[in-house]
C-alpha atoms as a PDB file:
ATOM      1  CA  MET A   1      -0.082   0.038   0.058  1.00  0.00           C
ATOM      2  CA  LYS A   2       1.306   3.413  -0.960  1.00  0.00           C
ATOM      3  CA  ILE A   3       1.127   6.202   1.783  1.00  0.00           C
ATOM      4  CA  TYR A   4       1.236   9.884   1.085  1.00  0.00           C
ATOM      5  CA  LEU A   5       2.039  12.944   3.037  1.00  0.00           C
ATOM      6  CA  LYS A   6      -0.018  16.148   2.233  1.00  0.00           C
ATOM      7  CA  TYR A   7       0.198  19.790   3.350  1.00  0.00           C
ATOM      8  CA  GLY A   8      -2.014  20.675   6.115  1.00  0.00           C
ATOM      9  CA  ALA A   9      -1.102  23.977   7.912  1.00  0.00           C
ATOM     10  CA  LEU A  10       1.745  25.737   9.423  1.00  0.00           C
ATOM     11  CA  ILE A  11       2.224  28.699  11.753  1.00  0.00           C
ATOM     12  CA  SER A  12       5.458  30.035  13.137  1.00  0.00           C
ATOM     13  CA  PRO A  13       7.220  33.396  13.536  1.00  0.00           C
ATOM     14  CA  LEU A  14       7.942  33.220   9.978  1.00  0.00           C
ATOM     15  CA  GLY A  15       4.432  33.242   8.910  1.00  0.00           C
ATOM     16  CA  ASN A  16       0.940  31.723   8.932  1.00  0.00           C
ATOM     17  CA  ASP A  17       0.915  29.492   5.840  1.00  0.00           C
ATOM     18  CA  ILE A  18       3.007  27.461   3.609  1.00  0.00           C
ATOM     19  CA  GLY A  19       3.771  29.948   0.829  1.00  0.00           C
ATOM     20  CA  SER A  20       4.953  32.613   3.411  1.00  0.00           C
ATOM     21  CA  HIS A  21       7.548  30.141   4.856  1.00  0.00           C
ATOM     22  CA  PHE A  22       8.720  29.289   1.368  1.00  0.00           C
ATOM     23  CA  ASN A  23       9.500  33.008   0.756  1.00  0.00           C
ATOM     24  CA  ALA A  24      10.969  33.300   4.177  1.00  0.00           C
ATOM     25  CA  LEU A  25      13.492  30.318   3.743  1.00  0.00           C
ATOM     26  CA  LEU A  26      14.182  31.422   0.204  1.00  0.00           C
ATOM     27  CA  HIS A  27      15.647  34.688   1.591  1.00  0.00           C
ATOM     28  CA  HIS A  28      17.366  33.124   4.634  1.00  0.00           C
ATOM     29  CA  GLU A  29      15.085  34.553   7.055  1.00  0.00           C
ATOM     30  CA  SER A  30      15.073  33.627  10.843  1.00  0.00           C
ATOM     31  CA  GLY A  31      12.469  34.002  13.554  1.00  0.00           C
ATOM     32  CA  ILE A  32      15.145  34.265  16.236  1.00  0.00           C
ATOM     33  CA  GLN A  33      15.268  37.565  17.942  1.00  0.00           C
ATOM     34  CA  LEU A  34      16.568  38.974  21.066  1.00  0.00           C
ATOM     35  CA  GLN A  35      14.070  38.803  23.732  1.00  0.00           C
ATOM     36  CA  LYS A  36      14.215  40.679  27.067  1.00  0.00           C
ATOM     37  CA  GLU A  37      13.739  39.376  30.414  1.00  0.00           C
ATOM     38  CA  GLU A  38      12.921  35.823  29.478  1.00  0.00           C
ATOM     39  CA  GLY A  39      15.075  33.722  31.554  1.00  0.00           C
ATOM     40  CA  PHE A  40      14.991  32.841  35.202  1.00  0.00           C
ATOM     41  CA  ASP A  41      17.590  35.329  36.016  1.00  0.00           C
ATOM     42  CA  GLY A  42      15.786  38.065  33.899  1.00  0.00           C
ATOM     43  CA  ALA A  43      18.337  37.624  31.219  1.00  0.00           C
ATOM     44  CA  ALA A  44      17.608  38.460  27.606  1.00  0.00           C
ATOM     45  CA  LEU A  45      17.713  35.453  25.431  1.00  0.00           C
ATOM     46  CA  TYR A  46      17.646  34.611  21.595  1.00  0.00           C
ATOM     47  CA  LEU A  47      14.177  33.061  21.143  1.00  0.00           C
ATOM     48  CA  SER A  48      11.846  32.358  18.057  1.00  0.00           C
ATOM     49  CA  LYS A  49       8.504  33.674  19.502  1.00  0.00           C
ATOM     50  CA  ILE A  50       5.304  34.175  17.435  1.00  0.00           C
ATOM     51  CA  PRO A  51       4.672  37.941  18.051  1.00  0.00           C
ATOM     52  CA  TRP A  52       0.902  37.741  18.182  1.00  0.00           C
ATOM     53  CA  LEU A  53       0.573  35.059  20.804  1.00  0.00           C
ATOM     54  CA  THR A  54      -0.085  36.715  24.274  1.00  0.00           C
ATOM     55  CA  GLU A  55      -2.391  35.196  26.821  1.00  0.00           C
ATOM     56  CA  ASN A  56      -3.224  31.527  26.950  1.00  0.00           C
ATOM     57  CA  ARG A  57      -0.597  31.013  24.251  1.00  0.00           C
ATOM     58  CA  TYR A  58      -0.857  27.224  23.690  1.00  0.00           C
ATOM     59  CA  ASN A  59      -4.582  27.142  23.393  1.00  0.00           C
ATOM     60  CA  THR A  60      -4.694  29.973  21.179  1.00  0.00           C
ATOM     61  CA  LEU A  61      -2.036  28.586  18.653  1.00  0.00           C
ATOM     62  CA  LEU A  62      -3.757  25.142  18.825  1.00  0.00           C
ATOM     63  CA  SER A  63      -7.241  26.792  17.938  1.00  0.00           C
ATOM     64  CA  LYS A  64      -5.683  28.845  15.250  1.00  0.00           C
ATOM     65  CA  ILE A  65      -4.259  25.840  13.582  1.00  0.00           C
ATOM     66  CA  CYS A  66      -7.434  23.847  13.838  1.00  0.00           C
ATOM     67  CA  ASP A  67      -9.217  26.621  12.143  1.00  0.00           C
ATOM     68  CA  ASP A  68      -6.823  26.698   9.377  1.00  0.00           C
ATOM     69  CA  LEU A  69      -7.231  22.906   8.810  1.00  0.00           C
ATOM     70  CA  LEU A  70     -10.973  23.426   8.592  1.00  0.00           C
ATOM     71  CA  VAL A  71     -10.223  25.668   5.558  1.00  0.00           C
ATOM     72  CA  ASN A  72      -7.290  23.700   3.907  1.00  0.00           C
ATOM     73  CA  VAL A  73      -8.738  20.101   4.585  1.00  0.00           C
ATOM     74  CA  SER A  74     -12.286  18.920   3.985  1.00  0.00           C
ATOM     75  CA  THR A  75     -14.613  18.696   6.917  1.00  0.00           C
ATOM     76  CA  ALA A  76     -15.690  15.209   5.748  1.00  0.00           C
ATOM     77  CA  LEU A  77     -12.184  14.053   6.226  1.00  0.00           C
ATOM     78  CA  LEU A  78     -11.734  15.747   9.666  1.00  0.00           C
ATOM     79  CA  GLN A  79     -15.000  14.107  10.956  1.00  0.00           C
ATOM     80  CA  SER A  80     -14.628  10.781   9.468  1.00  0.00           C
ATOM     81  CA  PRO A  81     -14.466   7.698  11.806  1.00  0.00           C
ATOM     82  CA  LYS A  82     -11.670   6.435   9.542  1.00  0.00           C
ATOM     83  CA  THR A  83      -9.611   9.618  10.323  1.00  0.00           C
ATOM     84  CA  ALA A  84      -7.437   9.790  13.301  1.00  0.00           C
ATOM     85  CA  ILE A  85      -5.798  12.746  15.034  1.00  0.00           C
ATOM     86  CA  ILE A  86      -2.388  12.504  16.436  1.00  0.00           C
ATOM     87  CA  LEU A  87      -1.034  15.464  18.494  1.00  0.00           C
ATOM     88  CA  SER A  88       2.836  15.629  18.913  1.00  0.00           C
ATOM     89  CA  THR A  89       4.060  17.892  21.684  1.00  0.00           C
ATOM     90  CA  THR A  90       6.686  17.782  24.360  1.00  0.00           C
ATOM     91  CA  LYS A  91       4.897  19.719  27.090  1.00  0.00           C
ATOM     92  CA  ALA A  92       1.468  20.681  25.779  1.00  0.00           C
ATOM     93  CA  ASN A  93      -0.208  23.461  27.939  1.00  0.00           C
ATOM     94  CA  MET A  94       2.080  23.902  30.846  1.00  0.00           C
ATOM     95  CA  GLU A  95      -0.491  26.374  32.336  1.00  0.00           C
ATOM     96  CA  GLU A  96      -2.478  23.382  33.232  1.00  0.00           C
ATOM     97  CA  VAL A  97       0.238  21.042  34.410  1.00  0.00           C
ATOM     98  CA  ASP A  98      -1.363  20.807  37.902  1.00  0.00           C
ATOM     99  CA  ALA A  99      -4.126  18.883  36.778  1.00  0.00           C
ATOM    100  CA  ASP A 100      -3.563  17.670  32.964  1.00  0.00           C
ATOM    101  CA  SER A 101      -1.427  19.512  30.548  1.00  0.00           C
ATOM    102  CA  PHE A 102      -2.930  17.444  27.741  1.00  0.00           C
ATOM    103  CA  ALA A 103      -6.684  18.057  28.656  1.00  0.00           C
ATOM    104  CA  SER A 104      -7.119  21.329  26.587  1.00  0.00           C
ATOM    105  CA  SER A 105      -5.641  19.802  23.468  1.00  0.00           C
ATOM    106  CA  ARG A 106      -8.292  17.069  23.543  1.00  0.00           C
ATOM    107  CA  ARG A 107     -11.029  19.378  24.189  1.00  0.00           C
ATOM    108  CA  ILE A 108     -10.055  21.911  21.471  1.00  0.00           C
ATOM    109  CA  ILE A 109      -9.499  19.210  18.795  1.00  0.00           C
ATOM    110  CA  SER A 110     -12.845  17.483  19.679  1.00  0.00           C
ATOM    111  CA  GLU A 111     -14.815  20.742  19.682  1.00  0.00           C
ATOM    112  CA  LYS A 112     -13.132  21.915  16.363  1.00  0.00           C
ATOM    113  CA  PHE A 113     -13.262  18.833  14.234  1.00  0.00           C
ATOM    114  CA  GLN A 114     -16.219  16.716  15.932  1.00  0.00           C
ATOM    115  CA  ASN A 115     -13.930  13.704  15.092  1.00  0.00           C
ATOM    116  CA  PRO A 116     -15.451  10.459  16.678  1.00  0.00           C
ATOM    117  CA  ASN A 117     -12.078   8.971  17.644  1.00  0.00           C
ATOM    118  CA  GLU A 118     -10.197  10.058  20.696  1.00  0.00           C
ATOM    119  CA  THR A 119      -7.037  12.215  20.000  1.00  0.00           C
ATOM    120  CA  ILE A 120      -3.944  10.296  20.239  1.00  0.00           C
ATOM    121  CA  ILE A 121      -1.124  12.296  22.175  1.00  0.00           C
ATOM    122  CA  LEU A 122       2.360  11.401  21.343  1.00  0.00           C
ATOM    123  CA  SER A 123       5.144  12.980  23.548  1.00  0.00           C
ATOM    124  CA  ASN A 124       8.629  11.549  23.306  1.00  0.00           C
ATOM    125  CA  ALA A 125      10.835  14.715  23.546  1.00  0.00           C
ATOM    126  CA  CYS A 126      12.411  16.242  20.301  1.00  0.00           C
ATOM    127  CA  ILE A 127      11.589  13.118  18.057  1.00  0.00           C
ATOM    128  CA  SER A 128       7.809  13.293  18.796  1.00  0.00           C
ATOM    129  CA  GLY A 129       7.113  14.821  15.366  1.00  0.00           C
ATOM    130  CA  VAL A 130       8.782  12.322  13.282  1.00  0.00           C
ATOM    131  CA  LEU A 131       7.665   9.606  15.438  1.00  0.00           C
ATOM    132  CA  ALA A 132       4.038  10.619  15.076  1.00  0.00           C
ATOM    133  CA  ILE A 133       4.231  10.610  11.281  1.00  0.00           C
ATOM    134  CA  ASN A 134       5.579   7.063  11.516  1.00  0.00           C
ATOM    135  CA  LEU A 135       2.846   5.906  13.850  1.00  0.00           C
ATOM    136  CA  ALA A 136       0.258   7.509  11.519  1.00  0.00           C
ATOM    137  CA  ALA A 137       1.755   5.542   8.487  1.00  0.00           C
ATOM    138  CA  ASP A 138       1.555   2.373  10.575  1.00  0.00           C
ATOM    139  CA  TYR A 139      -2.083   2.865  11.350  1.00  0.00           C
ATOM    140  CA  ILE A 140      -2.891   3.403   7.515  1.00  0.00           C
ATOM    141  CA  GLN A 141      -0.703   0.388   6.626  1.00  0.00           C
ATOM    142  CA  MET A 142      -2.538  -1.866   9.074  1.00  0.00           C
ATOM    143  CA  GLY A 143      -5.983  -0.533   7.691  1.00  0.00           C
ATOM    144  CA  THR A 144      -7.037   0.891  11.087  1.00  0.00           C
ATOM    145  CA  PHE A 145      -7.492   4.345   9.489  1.00  0.00           C
ATOM    146  CA  ASP A 146      -7.591   5.882   5.851  1.00  0.00           C
ATOM    147  CA  GLU A 147      -6.167   9.236   6.814  1.00  0.00           C
ATOM    148  CA  VAL A 148      -4.362  10.649   9.807  1.00  0.00           C
ATOM    149  CA  VAL A 149      -4.037  14.345  10.589  1.00  0.00           C
ATOM    150  CA  VAL A 150      -0.786  14.715  12.584  1.00  0.00           C
ATOM    151  CA  ILE A 151      -0.541  18.163  14.532  1.00  0.00           C
ATOM    152  CA  GLY A 152       2.870  19.111  16.026  1.00  0.00           C
ATOM    153  CA  ILE A 153       2.830  22.004  18.661  1.00  0.00           C
ATOM    154  CA  ASP A 154       4.963  23.569  21.437  1.00  0.00           C
ATOM    155  CA  VAL A 155       5.250  27.108  22.684  1.00  0.00           C
ATOM    156  CA  LEU A 156       7.753  28.660  24.847  1.00  0.00           C
ATOM    157  CA  ASN A 157       7.088  28.936  28.578  1.00  0.00           C
ATOM    158  CA  ASP A 158       9.158  29.409  31.748  1.00  0.00           C
ATOM    159  CA  PHE A 159       9.387  25.623  32.368  1.00  0.00           C
ATOM    160  CA  VAL A 160      11.097  24.869  29.000  1.00  0.00           C
ATOM    161  CA  ILE A 161      13.256  27.984  28.805  1.00  0.00           C
ATOM    162  CA  ASN A 162      14.526  27.528  32.551  1.00  0.00           C
ATOM    163  CA  GLY A 163      15.149  23.939  31.873  1.00  0.00           C
ATOM    164  CA  PHE A 164      17.524  24.567  29.023  1.00  0.00           C
ATOM    165  CA  GLN A 165      19.087  27.376  30.876  1.00  0.00           C
ATOM    166  CA  SER A 166      19.884  24.879  33.668  1.00  0.00           C
ATOM    167  CA  LEU A 167      21.515  22.633  31.351  1.00  0.00           C
ATOM    168  CA  ARG A 168      23.729  25.483  29.971  1.00  0.00           C
ATOM    169  CA  ALA A 169      22.399  24.446  26.568  1.00  0.00           C
ATOM    170  CA  LEU A 170      21.199  27.982  25.419  1.00  0.00           C
ATOM    171  CA  SER A 171      23.189  30.100  22.946  1.00  0.00           C
ATOM    172  CA  ASP A 172      23.997  33.732  23.738  1.00  0.00           C
ATOM    173  CA  GLU A 173      23.410  34.337  20.063  1.00  0.00           C
ATOM    174  CA  PRO A 174      21.236  33.084  17.339  1.00  0.00           C
ATOM    175  CA  CYS A 175      22.008  29.213  16.867  1.00  0.00           C
ATOM    176  CA  LEU A 176      24.690  28.189  14.452  1.00  0.00           C
ATOM    177  CA  PRO A 177      23.949  24.645  13.489  1.00  0.00           C
ATOM    178  CA  PHE A 178      27.119  22.498  12.426  1.00  0.00           C
ATOM    179  CA  ASP A 179      29.201  25.888  12.611  1.00  0.00           C
ATOM    180  CA  GLU A 180      32.805  25.802  14.252  1.00  0.00           C
ATOM    181  CA  ASN A 181      31.373  28.684  16.477  1.00  0.00           C
ATOM    182  CA  ARG A 182      28.206  27.160  17.625  1.00  0.00           C
ATOM    183  CA  LYS A 183      27.456  27.678  21.300  1.00  0.00           C
ATOM    184  CA  GLY A 184      24.041  25.922  21.728  1.00  0.00           C
ATOM    185  CA  VAL A 185      20.248  25.907  21.159  1.00  0.00           C
ATOM    186  CA  SER A 186      17.997  28.652  20.312  1.00  0.00           C
ATOM    187  CA  LEU A 187      14.449  27.768  21.497  1.00  0.00           C
ATOM    188  CA  GLY A 188      11.293  28.365  19.227  1.00  0.00           C
ATOM    189  CA  GLU A 189       7.578  27.859  19.107  1.00  0.00           C
ATOM    190  CA  ALA A 190       5.518  26.755  16.228  1.00  0.00           C
ATOM    191  CA  CYS A 191       2.675  24.579  15.184  1.00  0.00           C
ATOM    192  CA  GLY A 192       2.320  22.599  11.983  1.00  0.00           C
ATOM    193  CA  ALA A 193       0.037  19.912  10.474  1.00  0.00           C
ATOM    194  CA  ILE A 194       0.462  17.043   7.924  1.00  0.00           C
ATOM    195  CA  VAL A 195      -2.241  14.785   6.479  1.00  0.00           C
ATOM    196  CA  VAL A 196      -0.992  11.196   6.181  1.00  0.00           C
ATOM    197  CA  SER A 197      -3.233   9.311   3.681  1.00  0.00           C
ATOM    198  CA  ASN A 198      -3.715   6.031   1.597  1.00  0.00           C
ATOM    199  CA  LYS A 199      -4.992   8.324  -1.326  1.00  0.00           C
ATOM    200  CA  GLY A 200      -3.020  10.468  -3.655  1.00  0.00           C
ATOM    201  CA  GLY A 201      -4.665  13.600  -5.142  1.00  0.00           C
ATOM    202  CA  ALA A 202      -4.478  16.570  -7.440  1.00  0.00           C
ATOM    203  CA  ASP A 203      -2.746  18.814  -4.884  1.00  0.00           C
ATOM    204  CA  PHE A 204       0.946  18.246  -4.313  1.00  0.00           C
ATOM    205  CA  SER A 205       1.899  15.388  -2.133  1.00  0.00           C
ATOM    206  CA  VAL A 206       5.101  13.128  -1.479  1.00  0.00           C
ATOM    207  CA  GLU A 207       5.305   9.495  -1.094  1.00  0.00           C
ATOM    208  CA  TYR A 208       5.946   8.279   2.477  1.00  0.00           C
ATOM    209  CA  LEU A 209       8.593   5.377   2.087  1.00  0.00           C
ATOM    210  CA  GLY A 210       9.116   4.063   5.422  1.00  0.00           C
ATOM    211  CA  GLY A 211      10.517   5.190   9.133  1.00  0.00           C
ATOM    212  CA  ALA A 212      11.833   3.748  12.183  1.00  0.00           C
ATOM    213  CA  SER A 213      12.908   4.692  15.702  1.00  0.00           C
ATOM    214  CA  SER A 214      15.572   3.630  18.250  1.00  0.00           C
ATOM    215  CA  ASN A 215      17.093   4.595  21.581  1.00  0.00           C
ATOM    216  CA  ASP A 216      20.832   4.861  22.057  1.00  0.00           C
ATOM    217  CA  ALA A 217      20.364   4.197  25.781  1.00  0.00           C
ATOM    218  CA  ASN A 218      23.404   6.506  26.485  1.00  0.00           C
ATOM    219  CA  HIS A 219      22.219   9.359  28.872  1.00  0.00           C
ATOM    220  CA  ILE A 220      19.156  11.320  29.883  1.00  0.00           C
ATOM    221  CA  SER A 221      20.126  14.447  27.969  1.00  0.00           C
ATOM    222  CA  GLY A 222      23.417  13.674  26.212  1.00  0.00           C
ATOM    223  CA  PRO A 223      23.545  11.873  22.683  1.00  0.00           C
ATOM    224  CA  SER A 224      25.694   8.839  22.022  1.00  0.00           C
ATOM    225  CA  ARG A 225      29.328   9.790  21.301  1.00  0.00           C
ATOM    226  CA  THR A 226      29.355   7.177  18.480  1.00  0.00           C
ATOM    227  CA  GLY A 227      26.040   8.117  16.738  1.00  0.00           C
ATOM    228  CA  GLU A 228      25.093   4.438  17.293  1.00  0.00           C
ATOM    229  CA  GLY A 229      21.263   5.306  17.609  1.00  0.00           C
ATOM    230  CA  LEU A 230      21.191   7.525  14.552  1.00  0.00           C
ATOM    231  CA  VAL A 231      23.064   4.809  12.404  1.00  0.00           C
ATOM    232  CA  ARG A 232      20.671   2.031  13.621  1.00  0.00           C
ATOM    233  CA  VAL A 233      17.506   4.055  12.871  1.00  0.00           C
ATOM    234  CA  VAL A 234      18.727   5.067   9.475  1.00  0.00           C
ATOM    235  CA  ASN A 235      19.556   1.728   8.576  1.00  0.00           C
ATOM    236  CA  LYS A 236      16.285   0.318   9.929  1.00  0.00           C
ATOM    237  CA  THR A 237      14.475   3.002   7.855  1.00  0.00           C
ATOM    238  CA  LEU A 238      16.267   2.021   4.579  1.00  0.00           C
ATOM    239  CA  ASP A 239      15.504  -1.685   5.273  1.00  0.00           C
ATOM    240  CA  ARG A 240      11.788  -0.951   5.979  1.00  0.00           C
ATOM    241  CA  SER A 241      11.321   1.057   2.846  1.00  0.00           C
ATOM    242  CA  ASN A 242      13.435  -1.223   0.596  1.00  0.00           C
ATOM    243  CA  SER A 243      15.587   1.686  -0.220  1.00  0.00           C
ATOM    244  CA  LYS A 244      19.352   2.114  -0.836  1.00  0.00           C
ATOM    245  CA  LYS A 245      21.304   4.945   0.691  1.00  0.00           C
ATOM    246  CA  GLU A 246      22.559   5.952  -2.619  1.00  0.00           C
ATOM    247  CA  GLU A 247      19.135   7.000  -3.406  1.00  0.00           C
ATOM    248  CA  ILE A 248      19.181   9.651  -0.858  1.00  0.00           C
ATOM    249  CA  ASN A 249      19.813  13.153  -2.327  1.00  0.00           C
ATOM    250  CA  TYR A 250      19.076  15.325   0.690  1.00  0.00           C
ATOM    251  CA  ILE A 251      19.118  15.031   4.416  1.00  0.00           C
ATOM    252  CA  SER A 252      17.040  17.311   6.847  1.00  0.00           C
ATOM    253  CA  ALA A 253      19.225  16.902  10.062  1.00  0.00           C
ATOM    254  CA  HIS A 254      18.074  17.610  13.649  1.00  0.00           C
ATOM    255  CA  GLY A 255      20.919  20.020  14.044  1.00  0.00           C
ATOM    256  CA  THR A 256      20.326  21.817  17.237  1.00  0.00           C
ATOM    257  CA  ALA A 257      23.741  23.571  17.385  1.00  0.00           C
ATOM    258  CA  THR A 258      24.853  22.047  20.545  1.00  0.00           C
ATOM    259  CA  LEU A 259      28.503  20.684  20.484  1.00  0.00           C
ATOM    260  CA  PHE A 260      27.566  17.214  21.379  1.00  0.00           C
ATOM    261  CA  ASN A 261      24.480  16.854  18.964  1.00  0.00           C
ATOM    262  CA  ASP A 262      26.013  18.351  15.959  1.00  0.00           C
ATOM    263  CA  GLU A 263      29.093  16.026  16.388  1.00  0.00           C
ATOM    264  CA  MET A 264      26.955  13.035  17.036  1.00  0.00           C
ATOM    265  CA  GLU A 265      25.080  13.523  13.770  1.00  0.00           C
ATOM    266  CA  ALA A 266      28.219  14.150  11.843  1.00  0.00           C
ATOM    267  CA  ILE A 267      29.855  11.049  13.134  1.00  0.00           C
ATOM    268  CA  GLY A 268      26.665   8.898  12.497  1.00  0.00           C
ATOM    269  CA  PHE A 269      26.216  10.267   9.026  1.00  0.00           C
ATOM    270  CA  ASN A 270      29.842   9.447   8.160  1.00  0.00           C
ATOM    271  CA  ARG A 271      29.471   5.872   9.291  1.00  0.00           C
ATOM    272  CA  LEU A 272      26.440   5.671   7.039  1.00  0.00           C
ATOM    273  CA  GLY A 273      28.385   6.804   4.182  1.00  0.00           C
ATOM    274  CA  LEU A 274      26.263   9.861   3.720  1.00  0.00           C
ATOM    275  CA  GLU A 275      28.660  12.664   4.313  1.00  0.00           C
ATOM    276  CA  ASN A 276      28.498  14.009   0.730  1.00  0.00           C
ATOM    277  CA  VAL A 277      24.858  14.202   0.604  1.00  0.00           C
ATOM    278  CA  PRO A 278      23.671  17.939   0.976  1.00  0.00           C
ATOM    279  CA  ILE A 279      22.468  18.381   4.389  1.00  0.00           C
ATOM    280  CA  ASN A 280      20.779  21.314   6.494  1.00  0.00           C
ATOM    281  CA  SER A 281      19.152  22.146   9.781  1.00  0.00           C
ATOM    282  CA  PHE A 282      16.031  24.406  10.019  1.00  0.00           C
ATOM    283  CA  LYS A 283      16.884  25.449  13.515  1.00  0.00           C
ATOM    284  CA  GLY A 284      18.536  28.627  12.321  1.00  0.00           C
ATOM    285  CA  ASN A 285      15.126  29.577  10.897  1.00  0.00           C
ATOM    286  CA  PHE A 286      12.702  28.492  13.526  1.00  0.00           C
ATOM    287  CA  GLY A 287      14.742  27.819  16.577  1.00  0.00           C
ATOM    288  CA  HIS A 288      14.046  24.370  18.099  1.00  0.00           C
ATOM    289  CA  THR A 289      10.569  24.005  18.300  1.00  0.00           C
ATOM    290  CA  LEU A 290      10.539  20.750  20.348  1.00  0.00           C
ATOM    291  CA  GLY A 291       7.500  18.559  19.761  1.00  0.00           C
ATOM    292  CA  ALA A 292       6.648  20.640  16.635  1.00  0.00           C
ATOM    293  CA  ALA A 293       9.987  20.341  14.999  1.00  0.00           C
ATOM    294  CA  GLY A 294       9.459  17.160  13.247  1.00  0.00           C
ATOM    295  CA  ILE A 295       6.221  18.177  11.712  1.00  0.00           C
ATOM    296  CA  VAL A 296       7.552  21.758  10.797  1.00  0.00           C
ATOM    297  CA  GLU A 297      10.729  20.397   9.105  1.00  0.00           C
ATOM    298  CA  VAL A 298       8.909  17.633   7.311  1.00  0.00           C
ATOM    299  CA  LEU A 299       6.808  20.325   5.828  1.00  0.00           C
ATOM    300  CA  MET A 300       9.673  22.211   4.693  1.00  0.00           C
ATOM    301  CA  CYS A 301      11.065  19.125   3.187  1.00  0.00           C
ATOM    302  CA  MET A 302       7.933  18.776   1.054  1.00  0.00           C
ATOM    303  CA  VAL A 303       8.419  22.466  -0.011  1.00  0.00           C
ATOM    304  CA  SER A 304      11.960  21.715  -0.987  1.00  0.00           C
ATOM    305  CA  MET A 305      10.675  18.577  -3.076  1.00  0.00           C
ATOM    306  CA  GLU A 306       7.871  20.628  -4.669  1.00  0.00           C
ATOM    307  CA  LYS A 307      10.043  23.444  -5.506  1.00  0.00           C
ATOM    308  CA  ASN A 308      13.308  21.445  -6.249  1.00  0.00           C
ATOM    309  CA  THR A 309      15.126  23.938  -3.847  1.00  0.00           C
ATOM    310  CA  LEU A 310      17.406  23.248  -1.073  1.00  0.00           C
ATOM    311  CA  PHE A 311      17.595  25.821   1.557  1.00  0.00           C
ATOM    312  CA  LYS A 312      20.614  27.367   3.221  1.00  0.00           C
ATOM    313  CA  SER A 313      21.419  26.140   6.681  1.00  0.00           C
ATOM    314  CA  VAL A 314      21.058  29.606   8.264  1.00  0.00           C
ATOM    315  CA  GLY A 315      23.852  30.328  10.691  1.00  0.00           C
ATOM    316  CA  PHE A 316      26.246  28.020   9.025  1.00  0.00           C
ATOM    317  CA  GLU A 317      29.675  29.339   7.693  1.00  0.00           C
ATOM    318  CA  LYS A 318      32.482  26.979   8.543  1.00  0.00           C
ATOM    319  CA  LEU A 319      32.273  23.391   9.392  1.00  0.00           C
ATOM    320  CA  GLY A 320      32.703  22.758  13.162  1.00  0.00           C
ATOM    321  CA  THR A 321      32.684  19.065  13.398  1.00  0.00           C
ATOM    322  CA  THR A 322      35.572  16.661  13.390  1.00  0.00           C
ATOM    323  CA  VAL A 323      34.411  14.593  10.513  1.00  0.00           C
ATOM    324  CA  PRO A 324      33.080  15.844   7.079  1.00  0.00           C
ATOM    325  CA  LEU A 325      29.600  17.036   6.324  1.00  0.00           C
ATOM    326  CA  THR A 326      28.074  18.749   3.064  1.00  0.00           C
ATOM    327  CA  VAL A 327      26.234  21.400   4.978  1.00  0.00           C
ATOM    328  CA  LEU A 328      24.502  23.875   2.745  1.00  0.00           C
ATOM    329  CA  SER A 329      25.942  27.376   2.987  1.00  0.00           C
ATOM    330  CA  GLU A 330      23.666  28.644   0.300  1.00  0.00           C
ATOM    331  CA  ASN A 331      20.285  27.869  -1.254  1.00  0.00           C
ATOM    332  CA  LEU A 332      20.778  25.141  -4.040  1.00  0.00           C
ATOM    333  CA  ASP A 333      18.449  24.245  -6.998  1.00  0.00           C
ATOM    334  CA  LEU A 334      18.466  20.316  -7.186  1.00  0.00           C
ATOM    335  CA  ASP A 335      16.050  17.913  -8.662  1.00  0.00           C
ATOM    336  CA  LEU A 336      14.928  16.164  -5.455  1.00  0.00           C
ATOM    337  CA  HIS A 337      13.839  12.407  -5.376  1.00  0.00           C
ATOM    338  CA  VAL A 338      14.492  10.709  -1.969  1.00  0.00           C
ATOM    339  CA  VAL A 339      14.732  12.822   1.241  1.00  0.00           C
ATOM    340  CA  LEU A 340      15.690  11.602   4.576  1.00  0.00           C
ATOM    341  CA  LYS A 341      14.557  13.380   7.785  1.00  0.00           C
ATOM    342  CA  THR A 342      16.134  12.428  11.066  1.00  0.00           C
ATOM    343  CA  ALA A 343      15.510  13.566  14.691  1.00  0.00           C
ATOM    344  CA  SER A 344      17.187  12.919  17.855  1.00  0.00           C
ATOM    345  CA  GLY A 345      16.132  13.750  21.481  1.00  0.00           C
ATOM    346  CA  PHE A 346      16.541  13.776  25.209  1.00  0.00           C
ATOM    347  CA  GLY A 347      16.597  10.365  26.773  1.00  0.00           C
ATOM    348  CA  GLY A 348      18.363   8.845  23.776  1.00  0.00           C
ATOM    349  CA  GLY A 349      15.645   8.659  21.234  1.00  0.00           C
ATOM    350  CA  ASN A 350      16.320   8.735  17.561  1.00  0.00           C
ATOM    351  CA  ALA A 351      13.684   8.678  14.591  1.00  0.00           C
ATOM    352  CA  ALA A 352      13.909   8.870  10.805  1.00  0.00           C
ATOM    353  CA  LEU A 353      11.481   8.523   7.850  1.00  0.00           C
ATOM    354  CA  LEU A 354      12.166   8.713   4.025  1.00  0.00           C
ATOM    355  CA  MET A 355      10.049  10.602   1.372  1.00  0.00           C
ATOM    356  CA  ARG A 356       9.875  10.203  -2.238  1.00  0.00           C
ATOM    357  CA  LYS A 357       8.794  12.674  -5.056  1.00  0.00           C
ATOM    358  CA  ILE A 358       5.895  11.450  -6.917  1.00  0.00           C
ATOM    359  CA  GLY A 359       6.657  11.645 -10.744  1.00  0.00           C
END
């Protein structure tokens, strides 16, 4: 059975639709800006914040993406018993953490879509988005559902910001993925949605070839020094999709801009023999959007495939890993065929998926 990925919706500091994001990335724009008095010590931090989000930030953003989906996707699809809704998030609504931080998500989605199925919540750190797409594809492959709408969302809050500060993982300038001067993460917020379906259509879509997940069991927050988990998950993805690594002509990496993550990925991709494949990170555009990252970045991969355009890895100038990588320092026109998307996260999680352009 063939499985397809279709555009749903996208909201970030760079815009409120797919087209505005294409234009922003084409011109190397970044949503990362200096924000005053954001840290636990009142420090100014470089964050990628949606400017119009004020009170009740999480619920407001989730409600807006649902409204956009009601416009972009048929009501019949959203309400069908053969359609599932999966929400990918790391922390959901932290304003309700004393009770149930996921409760408002279920309520909003139920009220907006009137879908008879209970919303599936997937929260597995920064690999949640890619993992959610893989789960959606599994449901379709098994015949449980015909379509799955996958929504990825996280917003900035004191818990997340202070947590990364306590790990000394935040950069004091906009993040520089894979660059020799990288200092750490720039956090961001966004919400994106993808429709995973067993049907093609007249509108642009890509074929989902396969995906997998793994855990390197290395450390609660630090990645494997050898890239073992990443190597295993990419190999498993290739096996499941009956693909060869030579078919891959672009990689969208996790690329958080921490010293350890970028080095781990570089080692892993070298072990896989993929060091000469063009690669970028979207963290310089969006910041690290946590549970939304996989969805947002797969949407941008789809844009790259539609437009045959690879986007510059914003913030990158000179390679700062001990082994080679072909990091994009400028936009590149390329006839894309097969794209690899990877994600790595706290707790040792790794996830990957392969997409192929149709036609």
